[in-house]
Amino acid sequence: MCVISNSFILDDPDLKDIDPTVLKHCHAAAATCILEAGRQKADISAISTCLEDCKLDKERIEQFCTEYQKNKDALEILLGSIGRSPLHITDVSWRLEYQIKNNQLHKTYQPSYLVTLNVENSNSGSHPDVSFSCTMEQLQDLVGKLKDAAKSLERATQM
């Protein structure tokens, strides 16, 4: 599992003027659309209709559908490897990493966290590690969402 840092996205000159929160929501919406299309084995006409309802222009719809079609087999393999039951997190470890340069040799001087989740899948009993990198803001967002989920679960079990 890999998380693309906001700095990579914001390095694109075409996206410099867009609010980072809006970019985050757009990325999440696109990922959800792609995953749902793969999960439901949607054909190109169904995807096109959905994107037309979202007011995308024909050129973008065609580009999206072309890229989706190119990667459809790999997406289905990936979704098939996930299985039907969610992973159970058994432990977490993290470490602080301070990145001085990126792949393009630009100086970044940006701290990030390398997080490893020890998980087990109830179907296979295996214990693969899930690792990703995130910024302080992304880590705080993750912790906040986990707290919210724990509170929701607690409320649901009290009913």
N, C-alpha and C. Protein backbone atom coordinates (compact mmCIF):
# COMPACT_ATOMS: atom_id res chain seq x y z
N MET A 1 0.85 -1.17 0.00
CA MET A 1 0.00 0.00 0.00
C MET A 1 0.89 1.22 0.00
N CYS A 2 0.56 2.19 -0.81
CA CYS A 2 1.41 3.36 -0.93
C CYS A 2 0.54 4.61 -0.89
N VAL A 3 0.97 5.59 -0.19
CA VAL A 3 0.27 6.86 -0.12
C VAL A 3 1.12 7.89 -0.83
N ILE A 4 0.55 8.58 -1.80
CA ILE A 4 1.27 9.62 -2.52
C ILE A 4 1.21 10.88 -1.68
N SER A 5 2.35 11.47 -1.43
CA SER A 5 2.37 12.66 -0.58
C SER A 5 1.80 13.86 -1.33
N ASN A 6 1.25 14.79 -0.59
CA ASN A 6 0.68 16.00 -1.18
C ASN A 6 1.72 16.81 -1.92
N SER A 7 2.98 16.76 -1.48
CA SER A 7 4.01 17.56 -2.13
C SER A 7 4.20 17.12 -3.57
N PHE A 8 4.07 15.83 -3.87
CA PHE A 8 4.20 15.33 -5.23
C PHE A 8 3.11 15.91 -6.11
N ILE A 9 1.88 15.88 -5.60
CA ILE A 9 0.75 16.40 -6.36
C ILE A 9 0.89 17.91 -6.54
N LEU A 10 1.30 18.59 -5.50
CA LEU A 10 1.40 20.05 -5.57
C LEU A 10 2.57 20.52 -6.41
N ASP A 11 3.51 19.64 -6.75
CA ASP A 11 4.62 20.02 -7.62
C ASP A 11 4.17 20.25 -9.05
N ASP A 12 3.02 19.72 -9.42
CA ASP A 12 2.50 19.90 -10.76
C ASP A 12 2.09 21.37 -10.92
N PRO A 13 2.68 22.09 -11.88
CA PRO A 13 2.37 23.52 -12.02
C PRO A 13 0.90 23.79 -12.34
N ASP A 14 0.21 22.84 -12.98
CA ASP A 14 -1.20 23.05 -13.29
C ASP A 14 -2.09 23.00 -12.05
N LEU A 15 -1.58 22.41 -10.97
CA LEU A 15 -2.39 22.25 -9.76
C LEU A 15 -1.98 23.18 -8.63
N LYS A 16 -1.02 24.05 -8.86
CA LYS A 16 -0.49 24.93 -7.81
C LYS A 16 -1.56 25.82 -7.19
N ASP A 17 -2.53 26.27 -7.99
CA ASP A 17 -3.52 27.23 -7.51
C ASP A 17 -4.74 26.57 -6.88
N ILE A 18 -4.77 25.24 -6.84
CA ILE A 18 -5.93 24.54 -6.30
C ILE A 18 -5.69 24.22 -4.84
N ASP A 19 -6.70 24.43 -4.04
CA ASP A 19 -6.65 24.15 -2.60
C ASP A 19 -6.30 22.67 -2.38
N PRO A 20 -5.29 22.38 -1.52
CA PRO A 20 -4.89 20.99 -1.27
C PRO A 20 -6.04 20.11 -0.77
N THR A 21 -6.97 20.68 -0.03
CA THR A 21 -8.12 19.91 0.45
C THR A 21 -9.00 19.48 -0.71
N VAL A 22 -9.19 20.37 -1.68
CA VAL A 22 -9.99 20.04 -2.87
C VAL A 22 -9.29 18.92 -3.65
N LEU A 23 -7.96 19.02 -3.79
CA LEU A 23 -7.21 17.97 -4.49
C LEU A 23 -7.37 16.63 -3.79
N LYS A 24 -7.34 16.65 -2.47
CA LYS A 24 -7.48 15.41 -1.70
C LYS A 24 -8.85 14.79 -1.94
N HIS A 25 -9.89 15.61 -1.95
CA HIS A 25 -11.25 15.11 -2.19
C HIS A 25 -11.40 14.60 -3.62
N CYS A 26 -10.79 15.28 -4.58
CA CYS A 26 -10.84 14.83 -5.97
C CYS A 26 -10.13 13.48 -6.14
N HIS A 27 -8.98 13.34 -5.49
CA HIS A 27 -8.24 12.08 -5.55
C HIS A 27 -9.06 10.95 -4.94
N ALA A 28 -9.69 11.22 -3.81
CA ALA A 28 -10.52 10.20 -3.15
C ALA A 28 -11.72 9.84 -4.02
N ALA A 29 -12.34 10.83 -4.65
CA ALA A 29 -13.50 10.56 -5.50
C ALA A 29 -13.11 9.72 -6.72
N ALA A 30 -11.98 10.05 -7.33
CA ALA A 30 -11.51 9.28 -8.49
C ALA A 30 -11.18 7.85 -8.10
N ALA A 31 -10.50 7.69 -6.97
CA ALA A 31 -10.15 6.34 -6.50
C ALA A 31 -11.40 5.53 -6.20
N THR A 32 -12.40 6.15 -5.58
CA THR A 32 -13.65 5.47 -5.27
C THR A 32 -14.36 5.05 -6.55
N CYS A 33 -14.40 5.93 -7.52
CA CYS A 33 -15.04 5.64 -8.80
C CYS A 33 -14.36 4.44 -9.48
N ILE A 34 -13.04 4.45 -9.51
CA ILE A 34 -12.29 3.37 -10.15
C ILE A 34 -12.52 2.04 -9.42
N LEU A 35 -12.44 2.07 -8.10
CA LEU A 35 -12.63 0.84 -7.32
C LEU A 35 -14.05 0.29 -7.46
N GLU A 36 -15.04 1.16 -7.42
CA GLU A 36 -16.42 0.71 -7.56
C GLU A 36 -16.68 0.15 -8.95
N ALA A 37 -16.12 0.80 -9.97
CA ALA A 37 -16.29 0.29 -11.33
C ALA A 37 -15.67 -1.10 -11.45
N GLY A 38 -14.50 -1.28 -10.86
CA GLY A 38 -13.84 -2.59 -10.89
C GLY A 38 -14.60 -3.62 -10.09
N ARG A 39 -15.09 -3.23 -8.93
CA ARG A 39 -15.82 -4.14 -8.06
C ARG A 39 -17.11 -4.62 -8.72
N GLN A 40 -17.78 -3.72 -9.43
CA GLN A 40 -19.05 -4.06 -10.06
C GLN A 40 -18.88 -4.55 -11.49
N LYS A 41 -17.62 -4.65 -11.94
CA LYS A 41 -17.31 -5.07 -13.31
C LYS A 41 -18.11 -4.24 -14.32
N ALA A 42 -18.09 -2.92 -14.11
CA ALA A 42 -18.85 -2.01 -14.96
C ALA A 42 -18.23 -1.94 -16.35
N ASP A 43 -19.09 -1.83 -17.36
CA ASP A 43 -18.58 -1.66 -18.72
C ASP A 43 -18.40 -0.17 -19.00
N ILE A 44 -17.79 0.12 -20.14
CA ILE A 44 -17.45 1.51 -20.48
C ILE A 44 -18.71 2.38 -20.59
N SER A 45 -19.80 1.84 -21.10
CA SER A 45 -21.02 2.66 -21.23
C SER A 45 -21.57 3.05 -19.86
N ALA A 46 -21.51 2.15 -18.90
CA ALA A 46 -21.98 2.47 -17.55
C ALA A 46 -21.09 3.53 -16.90
N ILE A 47 -19.79 3.38 -17.10
CA ILE A 47 -18.86 4.37 -16.53
C ILE A 47 -19.08 5.73 -17.19
N SER A 48 -19.23 5.73 -18.51
CA SER A 48 -19.46 6.99 -19.24
C SER A 48 -20.73 7.68 -18.75
N THR A 49 -21.78 6.92 -18.58
CA THR A 49 -23.05 7.49 -18.11
C THR A 49 -22.89 8.10 -16.72
N CYS A 50 -22.20 7.40 -15.86
CA CYS A 50 -21.97 7.91 -14.50
C CYS A 50 -21.17 9.21 -14.54
N LEU A 51 -20.12 9.25 -15.35
CA LEU A 51 -19.28 10.45 -15.43
C LEU A 51 -20.02 11.61 -16.11
N GLU A 52 -20.91 11.30 -17.06
CA GLU A 52 -21.73 12.34 -17.68
C GLU A 52 -22.67 12.95 -16.64
N ASP A 53 -23.21 12.10 -15.76
CA ASP A 53 -24.07 12.60 -14.68
C ASP A 53 -23.30 13.52 -13.73
N CYS A 54 -21.99 13.30 -13.65
CA CYS A 54 -21.13 14.14 -12.80
C CYS A 54 -20.65 15.39 -13.53
N LYS A 55 -21.16 15.60 -14.75
CA LYS A 55 -20.89 16.80 -15.55
C LYS A 55 -19.46 16.88 -16.08
N LEU A 56 -18.80 15.74 -16.31
CA LEU A 56 -17.49 15.75 -16.94
C LEU A 56 -17.68 15.91 -18.44
N ASP A 57 -16.72 16.59 -19.10
CA ASP A 57 -16.84 16.76 -20.55
C ASP A 57 -16.42 15.48 -21.27
N LYS A 58 -16.81 15.36 -22.55
CA LYS A 58 -16.60 14.13 -23.31
C LYS A 58 -15.12 13.76 -23.41
N GLU A 59 -14.26 14.75 -23.58
CA GLU A 59 -12.82 14.47 -23.72
C GLU A 59 -12.27 13.80 -22.46
N ARG A 60 -12.64 14.31 -21.30
CA ARG A 60 -12.17 13.72 -20.05
C ARG A 60 -12.77 12.33 -19.83
N ILE A 61 -14.02 12.17 -20.20
CA ILE A 61 -14.66 10.86 -20.06
C ILE A 61 -13.96 9.83 -20.93
N GLU A 62 -13.65 10.21 -22.17
CA GLU A 62 -12.94 9.29 -23.06
C GLU A 62 -11.56 8.94 -22.53
N GLN A 63 -10.85 9.95 -22.01
CA GLN A 63 -9.52 9.71 -21.46
C GLN A 63 -9.59 8.79 -20.23
N PHE A 64 -10.56 9.04 -19.35
CA PHE A 64 -10.74 8.22 -18.17
C PHE A 64 -11.04 6.77 -18.57
N CYS A 65 -11.97 6.59 -19.51
CA CYS A 65 -12.37 5.25 -19.94
C CYS A 65 -11.22 4.52 -20.62
N THR A 66 -10.42 5.23 -21.40
CA THR A 66 -9.26 4.61 -22.05
C THR A 66 -8.27 4.10 -21.01
N GLU A 67 -7.96 4.94 -20.02
CA GLU A 67 -7.03 4.53 -18.97
C GLU A 67 -7.60 3.41 -18.11
N TYR A 68 -8.90 3.48 -17.84
CA TYR A 68 -9.54 2.43 -17.06
C TYR A 68 -9.45 1.10 -17.80
N GLN A 69 -9.75 1.13 -19.11
CA GLN A 69 -9.73 -0.09 -19.92
C GLN A 69 -8.32 -0.70 -19.95
N LYS A 70 -7.29 0.16 -20.03
CA LYS A 70 -5.90 -0.32 -20.06
C LYS A 70 -5.54 -1.05 -18.77
N ASN A 71 -6.06 -0.57 -17.64
CA ASN A 71 -5.67 -1.09 -16.34
C ASN A 71 -6.73 -1.98 -15.69
N LYS A 72 -7.79 -2.30 -16.42
CA LYS A 72 -8.92 -3.05 -15.86
C LYS A 72 -8.50 -4.43 -15.35
N ASP A 73 -7.70 -5.15 -16.12
CA ASP A 73 -7.29 -6.51 -15.71
C ASP A 73 -6.47 -6.47 -14.43
N ALA A 74 -5.53 -5.54 -14.36
CA ALA A 74 -4.69 -5.41 -13.16
C ALA A 74 -5.55 -5.02 -11.95
N LEU A 75 -6.53 -4.16 -12.16
CA LEU A 75 -7.42 -3.75 -11.08
C LEU A 75 -8.24 -4.94 -10.57
N GLU A 76 -8.76 -5.74 -11.47
CA GLU A 76 -9.55 -6.90 -11.06
C GLU A 76 -8.70 -7.91 -10.30
N ILE A 77 -7.45 -8.09 -10.73
CA ILE A 77 -6.54 -8.99 -10.01
C ILE A 77 -6.29 -8.46 -8.61
N LEU A 78 -6.04 -7.15 -8.51
CA LEU A 78 -5.80 -6.53 -7.21
C LEU A 78 -7.01 -6.67 -6.30
N LEU A 79 -8.19 -6.37 -6.82
CA LEU A 79 -9.41 -6.50 -6.01
C LEU A 79 -9.66 -7.94 -5.60
N GLY A 80 -9.35 -8.89 -6.48
CA GLY A 80 -9.52 -10.30 -6.16
C GLY A 80 -8.57 -10.77 -5.08
N SER A 81 -7.40 -10.14 -4.99
CA SER A 81 -6.41 -10.55 -3.98
C SER A 81 -6.76 -10.04 -2.59
N ILE A 82 -7.65 -9.07 -2.51
CA ILE A 82 -8.01 -8.51 -1.21
C ILE A 82 -8.85 -9.49 -0.41
N GLY A 83 -9.75 -10.20 -1.07
CA GLY A 83 -10.60 -11.16 -0.37
C GLY A 83 -11.88 -10.52 0.10
N ARG A 84 -12.69 -11.31 0.78
CA ARG A 84 -14.00 -10.84 1.20
C ARG A 84 -14.04 -10.31 2.63
N SER A 85 -13.11 -10.73 3.45
CA SER A 85 -13.14 -10.23 4.83
C SER A 85 -11.99 -9.24 5.04
N PRO A 86 -12.26 -8.19 5.80
CA PRO A 86 -11.22 -7.17 5.99
C PRO A 86 -10.09 -7.70 6.87
N LEU A 87 -8.94 -7.07 6.70
CA LEU A 87 -7.79 -7.44 7.52
C LEU A 87 -7.99 -6.95 8.95
N HIS A 88 -7.41 -7.67 9.87
CA HIS A 88 -7.49 -7.32 11.28
C HIS A 88 -6.10 -6.81 11.71
N ILE A 89 -6.02 -5.57 12.16
CA ILE A 89 -4.75 -4.98 12.58
C ILE A 89 -4.39 -5.52 13.96
N THR A 90 -3.21 -6.12 14.07
CA THR A 90 -2.78 -6.68 15.35
C THR A 90 -1.73 -5.82 16.04
N ASP A 91 -1.00 -5.02 15.26
CA ASP A 91 0.03 -4.17 15.86
C ASP A 91 0.40 -3.09 14.85
N VAL A 92 0.98 -2.03 15.34
CA VAL A 92 1.44 -0.95 14.47
C VAL A 92 2.80 -0.47 14.96
N SER A 93 3.66 -0.15 14.02
CA SER A 93 4.94 0.46 14.37
C SER A 93 5.19 1.61 13.40
N TRP A 94 5.95 2.56 13.84
CA TRP A 94 6.22 3.71 12.99
C TRP A 94 7.61 4.26 13.31
N ARG A 95 8.11 5.03 12.34
CA ARG A 95 9.36 5.74 12.57
C ARG A 95 9.34 7.02 11.76
N LEU A 96 10.04 8.00 12.26
CA LEU A 96 10.12 9.29 11.60
C LEU A 96 11.24 9.26 10.57
N GLU A 97 10.94 9.74 9.38
CA GLU A 97 11.94 9.81 8.31
C GLU A 97 12.03 11.27 7.89
N TYR A 98 13.23 11.73 7.69
CA TYR A 98 13.41 13.11 7.24
C TYR A 98 14.00 13.08 5.85
N GLN A 99 13.21 13.45 4.86
CA GLN A 99 13.62 13.38 3.46
C GLN A 99 14.32 14.68 3.08
N ILE A 100 15.55 14.54 2.60
CA ILE A 100 16.31 15.71 2.20
C ILE A 100 16.15 15.99 0.70
N LYS A 101 16.15 14.92 -0.12
CA LYS A 101 15.95 15.07 -1.56
C LYS A 101 14.94 14.04 -2.03
N ASN A 102 14.24 14.37 -3.13
CA ASN A 102 13.30 13.41 -3.70
C ASN A 102 13.90 12.76 -4.94
N ASN A 103 13.09 11.99 -5.67
CA ASN A 103 13.57 11.25 -6.85
C ASN A 103 14.17 12.18 -7.91
N GLN A 104 13.62 13.37 -8.02
CA GLN A 104 14.08 14.31 -9.03
C GLN A 104 15.22 15.18 -8.52
N LEU A 105 15.80 14.82 -7.39
CA LEU A 105 16.92 15.53 -6.75
C LEU A 105 16.57 16.93 -6.32
N HIS A 106 15.28 17.21 -6.11
CA HIS A 106 14.89 18.50 -5.54
C HIS A 106 15.02 18.40 -4.03
N LYS A 107 15.51 19.45 -3.42
CA LYS A 107 15.61 19.47 -1.96
C LYS A 107 14.22 19.65 -1.38
N THR A 108 13.87 18.80 -0.42
CA THR A 108 12.52 18.87 0.14
C THR A 108 12.52 19.23 1.62
N TYR A 109 13.47 18.69 2.38
CA TYR A 109 13.54 18.94 3.83
C TYR A 109 12.17 18.76 4.48
N GLN A 110 11.57 17.61 4.25
CA GLN A 110 10.23 17.37 4.76
C GLN A 110 10.20 16.09 5.59
N PRO A 111 9.72 16.18 6.83
CA PRO A 111 9.59 14.97 7.63
C PRO A 111 8.38 14.15 7.17
N SER A 112 8.50 12.84 7.28
CA SER A 112 7.37 11.96 7.01
C SER A 112 7.46 10.77 7.96
N TYR A 113 6.37 10.07 8.07
CA TYR A 113 6.31 8.92 8.96
C TYR A 113 6.18 7.65 8.14
N LEU A 114 6.99 6.67 8.45
CA LEU A 114 6.88 5.35 7.82
C LEU A 114 6.11 4.48 8.80
N VAL A 115 4.92 4.06 8.41
CA VAL A 115 4.03 3.31 9.27
C VAL A 115 3.92 1.88 8.76
N THR A 116 4.01 0.92 9.66
CA THR A 116 3.83 -0.49 9.31
C THR A 116 2.72 -1.06 10.19
N LEU A 117 1.71 -1.62 9.52
CA LEU A 117 0.61 -2.27 10.22
C LEU A 117 0.80 -3.78 10.12
N ASN A 118 0.85 -4.44 11.26
CA ASN A 118 0.87 -5.90 11.26
C ASN A 118 -0.58 -6.35 11.23
N VAL A 119 -0.92 -7.13 10.23
CA VAL A 119 -2.31 -7.52 10.06
C VAL A 119 -2.41 -9.04 9.87
N GLU A 120 -3.61 -9.53 10.13
CA GLU A 120 -3.88 -10.93 9.83
C GLU A 120 -5.21 -11.00 9.10
N ASN A 121 -5.29 -11.91 8.19
CA ASN A 121 -6.51 -12.12 7.42
C ASN A 121 -7.18 -13.36 7.97
N SER A 122 -8.43 -13.23 8.38
CA SER A 122 -9.11 -14.37 9.01
C SER A 122 -9.28 -15.54 8.04
N ASN A 123 -9.29 -15.27 6.73
CA ASN A 123 -9.44 -16.36 5.75
C ASN A 123 -8.18 -17.20 5.67
N SER A 124 -7.02 -16.55 5.60
CA SER A 124 -5.80 -17.30 5.37
C SER A 124 -4.96 -17.46 6.63
N GLY A 125 -5.19 -16.62 7.63
CA GLY A 125 -4.40 -16.69 8.85
C GLY A 125 -2.99 -16.15 8.68
N SER A 126 -2.67 -15.64 7.49
CA SER A 126 -1.32 -15.11 7.28
C SER A 126 -1.18 -13.75 7.94
N HIS A 127 0.04 -13.33 8.09
CA HIS A 127 0.32 -12.06 8.76
C HIS A 127 1.19 -11.16 7.87
N PRO A 128 0.64 -10.63 6.77
CA PRO A 128 1.43 -9.73 5.94
C PRO A 128 1.53 -8.36 6.59
N ASP A 129 2.56 -7.65 6.29
CA ASP A 129 2.70 -6.28 6.79
C ASP A 129 2.21 -5.31 5.72
N VAL A 130 1.51 -4.28 6.15
CA VAL A 130 1.07 -3.21 5.27
C VAL A 130 1.86 -1.98 5.66
N SER A 131 2.65 -1.46 4.72
CA SER A 131 3.51 -0.30 5.02
C SER A 131 3.14 0.86 4.12
N PHE A 132 3.23 2.05 4.67
CA PHE A 132 3.00 3.26 3.88
C PHE A 132 3.73 4.42 4.52
N SER A 133 3.85 5.49 3.75
CA SER A 133 4.51 6.70 4.21
C SER A 133 3.47 7.82 4.21
N CYS A 134 3.53 8.69 5.21
CA CYS A 134 2.57 9.79 5.26
C CYS A 134 3.19 11.00 5.95
N THR A 135 2.58 12.14 5.72
CA THR A 135 3.03 13.37 6.37
C THR A 135 2.40 13.45 7.76
N MET A 136 2.82 14.42 8.54
CA MET A 136 2.24 14.63 9.87
C MET A 136 0.74 14.87 9.77
N GLU A 137 0.31 15.68 8.80
CA GLU A 137 -1.11 15.98 8.64
C GLU A 137 -1.90 14.72 8.29
N GLN A 138 -1.35 13.89 7.39
CA GLN A 138 -2.03 12.66 7.01
C GLN A 138 -2.11 11.70 8.19
N LEU A 139 -1.05 11.63 8.99
CA LEU A 139 -1.05 10.76 10.17
C LEU A 139 -2.09 11.24 11.18
N GLN A 140 -2.17 12.56 11.40
CA GLN A 140 -3.16 13.11 12.32
C GLN A 140 -4.58 12.82 11.81
N ASP A 141 -4.78 12.93 10.49
CA ASP A 141 -6.07 12.64 9.89
C ASP A 141 -6.43 11.18 10.10
N LEU A 142 -5.47 10.28 9.90
CA LEU A 142 -5.69 8.84 10.10
C LEU A 142 -6.06 8.54 11.55
N VAL A 143 -5.32 9.11 12.49
CA VAL A 143 -5.59 8.88 13.91
C VAL A 143 -6.98 9.42 14.28
N GLY A 144 -7.33 10.59 13.75
CA GLY A 144 -8.66 11.16 14.02
C GLY A 144 -9.77 10.26 13.49
N LYS A 145 -9.58 9.72 12.29
CA LYS A 145 -10.59 8.83 11.72
C LYS A 145 -10.69 7.53 12.50
N LEU A 146 -9.55 7.03 12.97
CA LEU A 146 -9.58 5.82 13.79
C LEU A 146 -10.32 6.05 15.10
N LYS A 147 -10.11 7.22 15.72
CA LYS A 147 -10.82 7.55 16.95
C LYS A 147 -12.32 7.64 16.71
N ASP A 148 -12.70 8.29 15.58
CA ASP A 148 -14.11 8.39 15.24
C ASP A 148 -14.72 7.01 15.01
N ALA A 149 -13.99 6.14 14.32
CA ALA A 149 -14.48 4.79 14.06
C ALA A 149 -14.64 4.02 15.37
N ALA A 150 -13.69 4.18 16.28
CA ALA A 150 -13.77 3.49 17.58
C ALA A 150 -14.98 3.96 18.36
N LYS A 151 -15.25 5.28 18.34
CA LYS A 151 -16.42 5.81 19.04
C LYS A 151 -17.71 5.29 18.41
N SER A 152 -17.76 5.23 17.08
CA SER A 152 -18.95 4.72 16.40
C SER A 152 -19.18 3.26 16.73
N LEU A 153 -18.11 2.50 16.77
CA LEU A 153 -18.22 1.08 17.11
C LEU A 153 -18.69 0.89 18.55
N GLU A 154 -18.18 1.74 19.44
CA GLU A 154 -18.59 1.68 20.85
C GLU A 154 -20.08 2.00 21.00
N ARG A 155 -20.53 3.04 20.28
CA ARG A 155 -21.95 3.40 20.32
C ARG A 155 -22.82 2.28 19.75
N ALA A 156 -22.36 1.65 18.69
CA ALA A 156 -23.13 0.60 18.05
C ALA A 156 -23.25 -0.63 18.94
N THR A 157 -22.22 -0.93 19.71
CA THR A 157 -22.25 -2.10 20.59
C THR A 157 -23.08 -1.86 21.85
N GLN A 158 -23.31 -0.59 22.21
CA GLN A 158 -24.10 -0.27 23.41
C GLN A 158 -25.60 -0.32 23.14
N MET A 159 -25.98 -0.39 21.89
CA MET A 159 -27.42 -0.40 21.55
C MET A 159 -28.02 -1.75 21.73
